[in-house]
Amino acid sequence: MKKSKYLSLIITLGILALAISPVQAAAGNLRNAAQPNPEDTPFPPIPMTPGNSGLNPLTGLPVQDPANLLLPPALVSVTNFPPTARPQAGLSFSPIVFELYIGEGMTRYLALFYGDYPQASIPSGSEDVQSELTAGLPQPEAASVGPVRSGRLPYEYVRKLYNGFIVMASAYQKVADQISDYVNVFGDDNTDPNSALIPVDKLEDIAKANESALGTDALTGMHFDSQVPPDGKNAPSLWIFYAYKNQVFWRYNPADGSYHRWQDNADGQTFIEQTDRLNGDPLAYNNVIVLFANHEVHNKYLIDIDLLYVKKGKALLFRDGQMYEIYWTTKSEDYEKTTGKLRPIRFIDADGNPFPLKPGQTWIELVTPYTTYWETVDSEKYNQLVAGRSKGSGYWGLYFNLDD
């Protein structure tokens, strides 16, 4: 890719000084936001198009302020390591979160914000537990997102697919050269690499400043249906092994119809339900998708992921306590050929028909084609999980492999 011609926006947090240089991007034809649909439920099948007034095309749900649908998505690089950086701020508001492997057993999040922005509130549930989890962490005075960390090579592909801008804490020069529209965020504590947070009002300011430059014309192609698809496999739980000290459980909660994220405390043993620092709410997603994609390893810290112009890739969808073996695509179709724009990742069945996600938020785990999965046993013990085989149990295990 060509070296970026776009200007970087520098945000220095601590004194909260914002130096804005509008991104020089080609303006698209922005559609007008209409009033939200007054009926929240039930949700019929929704192929997202600009004509679906007031609905977020990335969730299939109404937004509080339809005017926000005219603003470009913000894609924020959020740390996951070390565990002292948890709980992160703002993730419970993200329509789509991408989790990707960054080397040495660690993963990082690229959290997309579009439609409704994060809001701080009094934590729900046990405030004593929440205060213990957040003790020693930099507490934002207002709603913020983060901690923000450095950019990674796959970010530019995601940025293109979702027609947005990246928020990161700088990047290696080779990475920065590949990213077109980005904002650099720096913390106020040189001894803590996880001190950078971006206030939500600053995030909105950047999106508004670049509304005409980036636009939102291409956020179409996702399909939503509240009705549970047939032929799913029982899936109350998904265990993901990235490394011994980076294990994740997604556990289905029938009470709210979503999967809750649990992660070990970088010890391979103690699993903690993950929450949002802004409100204490659990990280609960209506759809959890395992997306298999080719990874190109330049070195142990520089890993690229092939996401553009893929005709058909394998995926697993977890929704409503069921697992579906589906596919994903970013191939050029009539829309791309006519407009010259890209669209978000689309999810399809074996015949290429749109496969419905549950209306709501989606968490996407990006893994290699060499990653294996199976039905294991109900346990939190690594040896039992990795060795266990129990067909029909619904306790799915997934073992990340970088190569074959």
Protein backbone atom coordinates (compact mmCIF):
# COMPACT_ATOMS: atom_id res chain seq x y z
CA MET A 1 0.00 0.00 0.00
CA LYS A 2 1.08 3.55 -0.60
CA LYS A 3 2.40 5.64 2.26
CA SER A 4 -0.39 7.59 3.91
CA LYS A 5 -0.96 11.11 2.65
CA TYR A 6 -3.28 11.84 5.55
CA LEU A 7 -2.28 14.00 8.50
CA SER A 8 -2.04 12.41 11.93
CA LEU A 9 -4.10 13.97 14.70
CA ILE A 10 -2.27 14.24 18.01
CA ILE A 11 -4.14 14.04 21.29
CA THR A 12 -2.10 14.52 24.46
CA LEU A 13 -4.05 13.23 27.43
CA GLY A 14 -3.33 14.41 30.93
CA ILE A 15 -3.70 18.07 30.01
CA LEU A 16 -6.38 17.03 27.50
CA ALA A 17 -4.98 19.23 24.77
CA LEU A 18 -6.31 18.36 21.33
CA ALA A 19 -4.51 19.43 18.17
CA ILE A 20 -6.82 18.75 15.25
CA SER A 21 -5.76 18.69 11.63
CA PRO A 22 -8.74 17.54 9.55
CA VAL A 23 -8.02 14.33 7.69
CA GLN A 24 -7.71 14.91 3.97
CA ALA A 25 -9.99 12.17 2.66
CA ALA A 26 -12.28 12.06 -0.33
CA ALA A 27 -15.80 13.07 0.62
CA GLY A 28 -18.60 10.63 -0.05
CA ASN A 29 -22.30 11.29 -0.57
CA LEU A 30 -23.70 11.21 2.94
CA ARG A 31 -27.19 9.90 3.44
CA ASN A 32 -29.67 11.68 5.73
CA ALA A 33 -30.41 10.12 9.08
CA ALA A 34 -34.10 9.52 9.70
CA GLN A 35 -36.11 8.96 12.86
CA PRO A 36 -35.65 5.68 14.78
CA ASN A 37 -38.09 2.82 14.46
CA PRO A 38 -40.40 3.09 17.50
CA GLU A 39 -40.78 -0.69 17.75
CA ASP A 40 -37.76 -2.29 19.37
CA THR A 41 -39.08 -5.86 19.12
CA PRO A 42 -39.64 -8.18 17.47
CA PHE A 43 -36.85 -7.78 14.92
CA PRO A 44 -37.63 -9.23 11.50
CA PRO A 45 -34.82 -10.23 9.13
CA ILE A 46 -32.90 -7.01 8.48
CA PRO A 47 -30.59 -6.77 5.46
CA MET A 48 -28.90 -3.50 6.37
CA THR A 49 -29.31 -0.77 3.77
CA PRO A 50 -29.32 3.02 3.97
CA GLY A 51 -33.11 2.91 3.78
CA ASN A 52 -33.50 1.31 7.21
CA SER A 53 -34.08 4.56 9.09
CA GLY A 54 -32.59 4.99 12.54
CA LEU A 55 -31.09 1.51 12.66
CA ASN A 56 -27.43 0.90 13.21
CA PRO A 57 -26.37 -1.22 10.20
CA LEU A 58 -23.74 -2.93 12.37
CA THR A 59 -26.19 -4.11 15.07
CA GLY A 60 -29.65 -4.05 13.49
CA LEU A 61 -30.89 -2.04 16.49
CA PRO A 62 -32.23 1.53 16.78
CA VAL A 63 -29.82 4.23 17.93
CA GLN A 64 -30.64 7.00 20.39
CA ASP A 65 -29.45 9.75 18.03
CA PRO A 66 -29.84 8.90 14.31
CA ALA A 67 -27.62 11.89 13.45
CA ASN A 68 -24.67 9.86 14.72
CA LEU A 69 -25.17 7.45 11.83
CA LEU A 70 -23.69 10.14 9.57
CA LEU A 71 -20.40 10.10 11.47
CA PRO A 72 -17.55 7.76 10.50
CA PRO A 73 -16.79 4.84 12.81
CA ALA A 74 -13.95 5.18 15.29
CA LEU A 75 -11.74 2.09 15.60
CA VAL A 76 -9.83 2.21 18.88
CA SER A 77 -6.80 0.03 19.64
CA VAL A 78 -7.42 -1.24 23.19
CA THR A 79 -4.93 -3.19 25.29
CA ASN A 80 -5.60 -6.57 26.87
CA PHE A 81 -2.24 -7.03 28.62
CA PRO A 82 -1.04 -6.94 31.29
CA PRO A 83 -4.10 -7.87 33.37
CA THR A 84 -3.61 -4.71 35.43
CA ALA A 85 -4.99 -2.81 32.41
CA ARG A 86 -8.34 -4.55 32.90
CA PRO A 87 -11.17 -3.75 33.13
CA GLN A 88 -11.00 -1.65 29.99
CA ALA A 89 -13.24 1.36 29.43
CA GLY A 90 -15.99 1.53 26.82
CA LEU A 91 -16.03 -1.99 25.37
CA SER A 92 -19.61 -2.70 26.47
CA PHE A 93 -20.77 0.03 24.05
CA SER A 94 -18.90 -1.23 20.99
CA PRO A 95 -21.06 -2.68 18.18
CA ILE A 96 -18.12 -4.82 17.00
CA VAL A 97 -14.88 -5.75 18.74
CA PHE A 98 -12.07 -7.54 16.89
CA GLU A 99 -9.62 -9.57 18.97
CA LEU A 100 -6.34 -10.36 17.23
CA TYR A 101 -3.13 -12.13 18.09
CA ILE A 102 -0.13 -9.77 18.42
CA GLY A 103 2.63 -12.20 19.41
CA GLU A 104 4.14 -13.77 22.52
CA GLY A 105 0.77 -15.23 23.50
CA MET A 106 -0.97 -11.86 23.74
CA THR A 107 -4.05 -10.47 22.03
CA ARG A 108 -5.28 -6.93 21.47
CA TYR A 109 -8.68 -5.44 20.70
CA LEU A 110 -9.76 -3.14 17.90
CA ALA A 111 -13.06 -1.77 19.21
CA LEU A 112 -15.41 -0.08 16.76
CA PHE A 113 -17.65 2.77 17.96
CA TYR A 114 -20.51 3.87 15.75
CA GLY A 115 -24.04 5.10 16.45
CA ASP A 116 -24.32 5.36 20.23
CA TYR A 117 -21.17 6.49 22.06
CA PRO A 118 -20.06 5.20 25.49
CA GLN A 119 -21.44 6.82 28.62
CA ALA A 120 -20.12 6.62 32.17
CA SER A 121 -22.53 5.55 34.90
CA ILE A 122 -22.60 4.21 38.45
CA PRO A 123 -21.40 0.59 38.29
CA SER A 124 -24.15 -2.00 38.54
CA GLY A 125 -23.84 -5.11 40.67
CA SER A 126 -21.36 -5.32 43.51
CA GLU A 127 -19.62 -1.98 43.89
CA ASP A 128 -17.19 -3.54 46.38
CA VAL A 129 -16.03 -6.06 43.78
CA GLN A 130 -15.87 -3.38 41.11
CA SER A 131 -13.80 -1.09 43.33
CA GLU A 132 -11.31 -3.92 43.85
CA LEU A 133 -11.07 -4.52 40.11
CA THR A 134 -10.49 -0.86 39.31
CA ALA A 135 -8.18 -0.05 42.23
CA GLY A 136 -5.02 1.67 41.05
CA LEU A 137 -6.31 2.25 37.53
CA PRO A 138 -6.53 5.78 36.06
CA GLN A 139 -10.19 6.69 36.51
CA PRO A 140 -11.64 8.99 33.84
CA GLU A 141 -13.64 11.98 35.09
CA ALA A 142 -15.98 11.54 32.14
CA ALA A 143 -16.64 8.70 29.72
CA SER A 144 -13.43 7.57 28.04
CA VAL A 145 -12.26 4.63 25.94
CA GLY A 146 -9.09 2.66 26.50
CA PRO A 147 -6.43 2.02 27.59
CA VAL A 148 -5.26 2.86 24.08
CA ARG A 149 -2.22 1.02 22.73
CA SER A 150 -0.17 0.93 19.55
CA GLY A 151 -1.45 0.18 16.06
CA ARG A 152 -1.07 -3.14 14.26
CA LEU A 153 -0.84 -4.08 10.58
CA PRO A 154 -4.38 -5.55 10.20
CA TYR A 155 -5.95 -2.29 11.41
CA GLU A 156 -5.81 -0.67 7.98
CA TYR A 157 -7.79 -3.50 6.40
CA VAL A 158 -10.49 -3.20 9.04
CA ARG A 159 -10.47 0.59 8.67
CA LYS A 160 -11.08 0.27 4.92
CA LEU A 161 -13.88 -2.26 5.39
CA TYR A 162 -15.69 -0.02 7.87
CA ASN A 163 -14.79 3.34 6.31
CA GLY A 164 -13.57 4.80 9.59
CA PHE A 165 -10.50 6.13 11.37
CA ILE A 166 -8.03 4.51 13.77
CA VAL A 167 -7.25 5.69 17.30
CA MET A 168 -3.93 4.32 18.54
CA ALA A 169 -0.98 5.09 20.79
CA SER A 170 1.44 5.48 17.90
CA ALA A 171 2.90 2.46 16.05
CA TYR A 172 6.06 1.04 14.56
CA GLN A 173 6.97 3.12 11.52
CA LYS A 174 6.29 0.20 9.17
CA VAL A 175 2.80 -0.09 10.64
CA ALA A 176 2.08 3.65 10.73
CA ASP A 177 3.06 3.93 7.06
CA GLN A 178 0.27 1.49 6.18
CA ILE A 179 -2.55 3.24 8.07
CA SER A 180 -4.32 6.06 6.26
CA ASP A 181 -6.60 7.85 8.72
CA TYR A 182 -5.49 7.77 12.32
CA VAL A 183 -5.26 9.64 15.60
CA ASN A 184 -2.36 9.26 18.02
CA VAL A 185 -3.18 9.22 21.73
CA PHE A 186 -0.59 9.49 24.50
CA GLY A 187 -0.98 8.97 28.24
CA ASP A 188 0.15 11.22 31.06
CA ASP A 189 2.33 8.64 32.85
CA ASN A 190 5.58 7.72 31.11
CA THR A 191 6.05 4.77 33.45
CA ASP A 192 2.69 3.21 32.52
CA PRO A 193 2.16 2.22 28.87
CA ASN A 194 -1.53 1.68 29.64
CA SER A 195 -2.31 5.20 30.90
CA ALA A 196 -3.72 6.53 27.60
CA LEU A 197 -7.48 7.05 27.49
CA ILE A 198 -9.42 9.04 24.91
CA PRO A 199 -12.44 10.99 26.21
CA VAL A 200 -15.62 10.17 24.35
CA ASP A 201 -16.33 13.84 23.61
CA LYS A 202 -12.96 14.06 21.85
CA LEU A 203 -13.82 10.91 19.90
CA GLU A 204 -17.06 12.53 18.76
CA ASP A 205 -15.26 15.77 17.88
CA ILE A 206 -12.87 13.90 15.60
CA ALA A 207 -15.72 12.01 13.92
CA LYS A 208 -17.68 15.23 13.35
CA ALA A 209 -14.61 17.03 11.99
CA ASN A 210 -14.19 14.29 9.40
CA GLU A 211 -17.83 13.58 8.59
CA SER A 212 -17.60 14.89 5.04
CA ALA A 213 -14.17 13.38 4.54
CA LEU A 214 -14.86 9.79 5.54
CA GLY A 215 -18.65 9.43 5.38
CA THR A 216 -20.61 6.24 6.07
CA ASP A 217 -21.86 5.19 2.65
CA ALA A 218 -20.41 1.70 2.70
CA LEU A 219 -21.71 0.29 6.01
CA THR A 220 -24.06 -2.20 4.40
CA GLY A 221 -24.23 -5.94 3.88
CA MET A 222 -24.79 -7.37 7.37
CA HIS A 223 -27.96 -9.36 8.03
CA PHE A 224 -29.84 -9.65 11.34
CA ASP A 225 -32.77 -11.76 12.53
CA SER A 226 -33.99 -12.28 16.10
CA GLN A 227 -35.38 -15.70 15.17
CA VAL A 228 -32.93 -18.47 16.05
CA PRO A 229 -31.72 -20.20 12.86
CA PRO A 230 -32.30 -23.96 12.59
CA ASP A 231 -29.66 -26.69 12.62
CA GLY A 232 -27.40 -25.17 15.25
CA LYS A 233 -25.32 -27.21 17.67
CA ASN A 234 -25.62 -26.83 21.43
CA ALA A 235 -23.10 -24.24 22.65
CA PRO A 236 -23.38 -23.03 26.24
CA SER A 237 -19.64 -22.34 26.35
CA LEU A 238 -16.60 -21.59 24.19
CA TRP A 239 -13.07 -21.92 25.58
CA ILE A 240 -10.29 -20.27 23.56
CA PHE A 241 -6.63 -21.03 24.14
CA TYR A 242 -4.26 -18.38 22.76
CA ALA A 243 -1.54 -19.24 25.29
CA TYR A 244 -1.44 -20.79 28.74
CA LYS A 245 -1.61 -17.31 30.28
CA ASN A 246 -4.17 -16.06 27.78
CA GLN A 247 -7.29 -18.21 27.94
CA VAL A 248 -10.83 -17.01 27.35
CA PHE A 249 -14.26 -18.41 28.15
CA TRP A 250 -17.41 -17.19 26.44
CA ARG A 251 -20.36 -18.42 28.52
CA TYR A 252 -23.93 -18.17 27.37
CA ASN A 253 -26.34 -16.47 29.76
CA PRO A 254 -29.97 -17.39 28.92
CA ALA A 255 -31.22 -14.52 31.11
CA ASP A 256 -29.95 -11.86 28.72
CA GLY A 257 -29.42 -13.99 25.60
CA SER A 258 -25.75 -13.12 25.27
CA TYR A 259 -22.29 -14.58 25.79
CA HIS A 260 -20.29 -13.22 28.73
CA ARG A 261 -16.52 -13.00 28.54
CA TRP A 262 -14.30 -14.53 31.21
CA GLN A 263 -10.50 -14.45 31.08
CA ASP A 264 -7.72 -15.94 33.16
CA ASN A 265 -5.64 -13.55 35.23
CA ALA A 266 -2.50 -14.32 33.17
CA ASP A 267 -2.03 -17.39 35.34
CA GLY A 268 -3.92 -20.04 33.37
CA GLN A 269 -6.10 -20.81 36.38
CA THR A 270 -8.10 -17.91 37.82
CA PHE A 271 -10.92 -16.92 35.48
CA ILE A 272 -12.54 -13.53 36.05
CA GLU A 273 -15.69 -12.21 34.41
CA GLN A 274 -14.67 -9.20 32.34
CA THR A 275 -16.47 -5.90 32.88
CA ASP A 276 -16.51 -2.34 31.58
CA ARG A 277 -14.74 0.22 33.74
CA LEU A 278 -17.32 2.86 32.79
CA ASN A 279 -20.33 1.14 34.31
CA GLY A 280 -19.32 -2.17 35.86
CA ASP A 281 -21.44 -4.07 33.33
CA PRO A 282 -20.19 -7.45 32.10
CA LEU A 283 -18.75 -7.72 28.61
CA ALA A 284 -21.74 -9.49 27.08
CA TYR A 285 -22.17 -9.93 23.33
CA ASN A 286 -25.10 -11.27 21.36
CA ASN A 287 -22.84 -12.80 18.73
CA VAL A 288 -19.38 -14.29 19.16
CA ILE A 289 -17.74 -15.14 15.86
CA VAL A 290 -14.54 -17.10 15.31
CA LEU A 291 -13.20 -15.93 11.96
CA PHE A 292 -10.50 -18.06 10.30
CA ALA A 293 -8.12 -15.98 8.17
CA ASN A 294 -4.60 -16.31 6.81
CA HIS A 295 -1.93 -14.75 9.06
CA GLU A 296 1.40 -13.55 7.67
CA VAL A 297 4.17 -13.49 10.27
CA HIS A 298 6.87 -10.89 9.50
CA ASN A 299 8.40 -11.30 12.95
CA LYS A 300 7.12 -12.22 16.41
CA TYR A 301 5.69 -8.72 16.91
CA LEU A 302 4.58 -8.00 13.33
CA ILE A 303 1.71 -10.19 12.17
CA ASP A 304 -0.61 -9.34 9.29
CA ILE A 305 -4.04 -10.83 8.61
CA ASP A 306 -5.58 -11.28 5.15
CA LEU A 307 -9.06 -9.71 5.32
CA LEU A 308 -9.56 -7.95 1.97
CA TYR A 309 -11.14 -9.43 -1.16
CA VAL A 310 -11.62 -12.85 0.38
CA LYS A 311 -14.15 -14.86 -1.62
CA LYS A 312 -15.08 -17.33 1.10
CA GLY A 313 -13.53 -18.02 4.49
CA LYS A 314 -14.60 -20.28 7.32
CA ALA A 315 -16.26 -18.96 10.49
CA LEU A 316 -18.07 -20.18 13.60
CA LEU A 317 -21.05 -18.21 14.91
CA PHE A 318 -22.16 -18.50 18.52
CA ARG A 319 -25.58 -16.98 19.21
CA ASP A 320 -28.56 -17.92 21.38
CA GLY A 321 -26.64 -20.80 22.96
CA GLN A 322 -26.08 -22.40 19.55
CA MET A 323 -23.04 -22.80 17.29
CA TYR A 324 -23.20 -22.55 13.50
CA GLU A 325 -20.48 -23.39 11.01
CA ILE A 326 -20.75 -20.55 8.51
CA TYR A 327 -18.57 -18.51 6.19
CA TRP A 328 -17.41 -14.92 5.72
CA THR A 329 -16.64 -12.86 2.65
CA THR A 330 -15.22 -9.51 1.60
CA LYS A 331 -15.23 -10.23 -2.13
CA SER A 332 -16.07 -7.57 -4.67
CA GLU A 333 -19.70 -7.75 -5.71
CA ASP A 334 -21.94 -5.36 -7.64
CA TYR A 335 -21.80 -2.76 -4.87
CA GLU A 336 -18.02 -2.70 -4.74
CA LYS A 337 -17.67 -2.71 -8.51
CA THR A 338 -20.22 0.09 -8.93
CA THR A 339 -19.10 2.40 -6.13
CA GLY A 340 -15.43 1.56 -5.74
CA LYS A 341 -16.06 1.27 -1.98
CA LEU A 342 -15.62 -1.63 0.40
CA ARG A 343 -18.25 -2.96 2.80
CA PRO A 344 -18.06 -4.63 6.20
CA ILE A 345 -17.37 -8.33 6.52
CA ARG A 346 -20.47 -10.27 5.44
CA PHE A 347 -21.47 -13.63 6.89
CA ILE A 348 -22.96 -16.25 4.59
CA ASP A 349 -24.02 -19.89 4.44
CA ALA A 350 -22.43 -22.58 2.29
CA ASP A 351 -24.46 -21.43 -0.73
CA GLY A 352 -23.47 -17.79 -0.37
CA ASN A 353 -26.76 -16.60 1.13
CA PRO A 354 -26.63 -14.05 3.99
CA PHE A 355 -26.54 -15.77 7.37
CA PRO A 356 -28.38 -13.86 10.10
CA LEU A 357 -26.66 -12.60 13.20
CA LYS A 358 -28.69 -11.87 16.30
CA PRO A 359 -29.57 -8.15 16.53
CA GLY A 360 -27.03 -6.64 18.88
CA GLN A 361 -23.30 -6.53 19.45
CA THR A 362 -20.68 -8.82 17.94
CA TRP A 363 -17.25 -9.93 19.14
CA ILE A 364 -14.97 -11.35 16.43
CA GLU A 365 -12.04 -13.62 17.30
CA LEU A 366 -9.51 -13.56 14.44
CA VAL A 367 -7.65 -16.88 14.27
CA THR A 368 -5.52 -18.78 11.77
CA PRO A 369 -6.76 -21.58 9.48
CA TYR A 370 -4.59 -23.94 11.56
CA THR A 371 -6.63 -23.28 14.69
CA THR A 372 -8.49 -26.41 15.78
CA TYR A 373 -11.83 -26.76 17.54
CA TRP A 374 -13.78 -29.57 19.14
CA GLU A 375 -16.30 -30.36 21.87
CA THR A 376 -14.52 -30.75 25.18
CA VAL A 377 -15.60 -31.19 28.81
CA ASP A 378 -17.06 -28.78 31.36
CA SER A 379 -13.94 -27.69 33.22
CA GLU A 380 -11.58 -24.78 33.89
CA LYS A 381 -8.52 -27.03 34.10
CA TYR A 382 -6.20 -26.69 31.11
CA ASN A 383 -5.22 -30.36 30.98
CA GLN A 384 -8.84 -31.48 31.03
CA LEU A 385 -9.95 -28.92 28.46
CA VAL A 386 -7.20 -29.61 25.94
CA ALA A 387 -7.44 -33.40 26.25
CA GLY A 388 -11.19 -33.72 26.73
CA ARG A 389 -13.40 -34.97 23.92
CA SER A 390 -17.14 -35.10 24.54
CA LYS A 391 -19.24 -35.02 21.39
CA GLY A 392 -22.59 -33.37 21.96
CA SER A 393 -21.54 -31.68 25.21
CA GLY A 394 -21.79 -28.18 23.75
CA TYR A 395 -18.62 -27.17 25.61
CA TRP A 396 -16.53 -26.03 22.68
CA GLY A 397 -12.77 -25.74 22.80
CA LEU A 398 -10.61 -23.80 20.36
CA TYR A 399 -6.80 -24.00 20.28
CA PHE A 400 -5.01 -21.15 18.51
CA ASN A 401 -2.13 -22.26 16.27
CA LEU A 402 -0.07 -19.66 14.44
CA ASP A 403 1.15 -22.20 11.90
CA ASP A 404 0.76 -25.86 11.03
